[in-house]
Amino acid sequence: MNLTLANAKVIIEHAFAEQQKRGFNPMAVVVLGSGGGIRASESQDGTSLLRPKIAHGKAYGAYSLGMGSRALFERAKAEPFFIQSMNALCDGALVPVPGGVLIRTKDGELIGAVGVTGDTSPNDEQCAVAGIEAAGFVADTGA
């Protein structure tokens, strides 16, 4: 199964709806599909210039290593040299904090990842999960 552009737009729409409902800071969302290519990316008014890159780094790291960025965060605390090495292999694009969530089908197939940034990492993750679930997929945070 492939993640479609329509799926990616639903994920972003609902991630932003969760942000609005909770009163979180403005966010950037990047949705990656199979193979790690960008399917869609949007930033709300008021986000900083670097936010789309951070969102991409959360999603890219999660997708590249096959684990939600919450797991990467825990691994960084336990094995910082491993995460530093992985970040070097990713040309510095890995952001190992919560907010990078894998997108899985109900059968467990990995079909993409979402990166959200703008508020605290747990709040970013909450918005990513809301978007993924609203699109009918399973969110894998790495918890």
Protein backbone atom coordinates (compact mmCIF):
# COMPACT_ATOMS: atom_id res chain seq x y z
CA MET A 1 0.00 0.00 0.00
CA ASN A 2 1.23 3.49 -0.81
CA LEU A 3 0.51 6.66 1.11
CA THR A 4 -1.32 8.97 -1.28
CA LEU A 5 -1.19 12.74 -1.47
CA ALA A 6 -4.82 12.76 -0.33
CA ASN A 7 -3.83 10.70 2.75
CA ALA A 8 -0.98 13.11 3.49
CA LYS A 9 -3.32 16.12 3.27
CA VAL A 10 -5.76 14.48 5.70
CA ILE A 11 -2.90 13.86 8.14
CA ILE A 12 -1.81 17.50 7.98
CA GLU A 13 -5.36 18.81 8.26
CA HIS A 14 -6.04 16.79 11.40
CA ALA A 15 -2.63 17.47 12.95
CA PHE A 16 -3.40 21.19 12.63
CA ALA A 17 -6.93 20.62 13.98
CA GLU A 18 -5.41 19.00 17.08
CA GLN A 19 -2.99 21.92 17.41
CA GLN A 20 -5.89 24.38 17.26
CA LYS A 21 -8.05 22.39 19.70
CA ARG A 22 -5.23 22.24 22.27
CA GLY A 23 -3.99 25.81 21.76
CA PHE A 24 -0.47 24.68 20.92
CA ASN A 25 2.07 26.96 19.25
CA PRO A 26 2.07 27.20 15.43
CA MET A 27 3.45 24.07 13.81
CA ALA A 28 5.12 22.66 10.74
CA VAL A 29 4.17 19.18 9.50
CA VAL A 30 6.05 17.01 7.01
CA VAL A 31 4.59 13.74 5.71
CA LEU A 32 6.92 11.19 4.12
CA GLY A 33 5.70 8.28 2.01
CA SER A 34 7.24 4.96 1.10
CA GLY A 35 10.94 5.35 0.39
CA GLY A 36 11.13 8.45 2.57
CA GLY A 37 10.11 10.97 -0.11
CA ILE A 38 8.10 14.04 0.90
CA ARG A 39 4.39 13.59 0.13
CA ALA A 40 3.29 16.91 1.66
CA SER A 41 4.61 19.67 3.89
CA GLU A 42 2.87 22.67 5.44
CA SER A 43 3.77 25.30 8.01
CA GLN A 44 1.31 27.44 9.88
CA ASP A 45 1.66 31.20 10.03
CA GLY A 46 3.99 32.13 12.85
CA THR A 47 6.39 29.18 12.62
CA SER A 48 10.08 29.91 12.40
CA LEU A 49 12.17 29.40 9.29
CA LEU A 50 13.80 26.22 10.60
CA ARG A 51 10.58 24.41 11.60
CA PRO A 52 10.04 22.55 8.28
CA LYS A 53 13.58 21.17 8.45
CA ILE A 54 13.07 20.07 12.05
CA ALA A 55 9.77 18.36 11.14
CA HIS A 56 11.50 16.63 8.23
CA GLY A 57 14.35 15.52 10.52
CA LYS A 58 11.93 13.95 12.98
CA ALA A 59 10.07 12.07 10.24
CA TYR A 60 13.22 11.17 8.28
CA GLY A 61 15.02 9.80 11.31
CA ALA A 62 12.01 7.74 12.34
CA TYR A 63 11.48 6.36 8.84
CA SER A 64 15.17 5.74 8.15
CA LEU A 65 15.69 3.75 11.35
CA GLY A 66 12.23 2.15 11.40
CA MET A 67 11.32 3.40 14.87
CA GLY A 68 9.32 6.34 16.15
CA SER A 69 11.43 9.24 17.31
CA ARG A 70 10.38 8.68 20.93
CA ALA A 71 12.42 5.44 20.74
CA LEU A 72 15.27 7.38 19.11
CA PHE A 73 15.13 9.86 21.99
CA GLU A 74 15.45 7.06 24.55
CA ARG A 75 18.25 5.48 22.52
CA ALA A 76 20.07 8.84 22.38
CA LYS A 77 20.04 9.01 26.16
CA ALA A 78 21.31 5.42 26.52
CA GLU A 79 23.68 5.32 23.53
CA PRO A 80 24.55 8.85 22.40
CA PHE A 81 27.38 7.68 20.17
CA PHE A 82 24.99 5.44 18.22
CA ILE A 83 22.61 8.34 17.53
CA GLN A 84 25.54 10.63 16.64
CA SER A 85 26.74 8.02 14.16
CA MET A 86 23.27 7.61 12.66
CA ASN A 87 22.94 11.40 12.39
CA ALA A 88 26.24 11.50 10.51
CA LEU A 89 24.99 8.81 8.12
CA CYS A 90 21.80 10.88 7.61
CA ASP A 91 23.92 13.94 6.74
CA GLY A 92 22.76 15.65 9.94
CA ALA A 93 19.06 15.26 9.13
CA LEU A 94 18.10 13.09 12.12
CA VAL A 95 16.21 14.84 14.94
CA PRO A 96 15.89 12.28 17.76
CA VAL A 97 13.09 13.76 19.87
CA PRO A 98 9.36 12.91 20.04
CA GLY A 99 7.29 14.21 17.14
CA GLY A 100 8.49 11.79 14.44
CA VAL A 101 5.82 9.10 14.13
CA LEU A 102 5.74 6.11 11.79
CA ILE A 103 2.65 5.52 9.68
CA ARG A 104 1.59 1.88 9.58
CA THR A 105 -1.34 0.08 8.00
CA LYS A 106 -3.64 -1.92 10.25
CA ASP A 107 -1.55 -4.95 9.17
CA GLY A 108 1.63 -3.30 10.46
CA GLU A 109 3.14 -2.38 7.08
CA LEU A 110 5.35 0.72 7.26
CA ILE A 111 4.13 3.20 4.62
CA GLY A 112 5.58 6.51 5.80
CA ALA A 113 6.26 8.88 8.66
CA VAL A 114 5.08 12.23 9.97
CA GLY A 115 7.21 14.89 11.61
CA VAL A 116 5.63 17.69 13.61
CA THR A 117 7.36 20.57 15.38
CA GLY A 118 6.49 23.91 16.90
CA ASP A 119 5.48 23.18 20.49
CA THR A 120 6.93 20.81 23.08
CA SER A 121 8.00 17.45 21.69
CA PRO A 122 5.17 15.52 23.43
CA ASN A 123 2.62 18.01 22.05
CA ASP A 124 4.14 17.70 18.58
CA GLU A 125 3.84 13.93 18.84
CA GLN A 126 0.20 14.21 19.97
CA CYS A 127 -0.65 16.19 16.82
CA ALA A 128 1.16 13.69 14.59
CA VAL A 129 -0.75 10.79 16.15
CA ALA A 130 -4.08 12.62 15.76
CA GLY A 131 -3.41 13.20 12.06
CA ILE A 132 -2.32 9.63 11.37
CA GLU A 133 -5.27 8.10 13.18
CA ALA A 134 -7.76 10.46 11.49
CA ALA A 135 -6.47 9.20 8.13
CA GLY A 136 -7.25 5.63 9.18
CA PHE A 137 -3.70 4.45 9.85
CA VAL A 138 -1.82 3.25 12.92
CA ALA A 139 0.60 5.65 14.60
CA ASP A 140 3.87 4.17 15.89
CA THR A 141 5.59 6.65 18.21
CA GLY A 142 8.27 4.25 19.36
CA ALA A 143 6.88 4.19 22.91
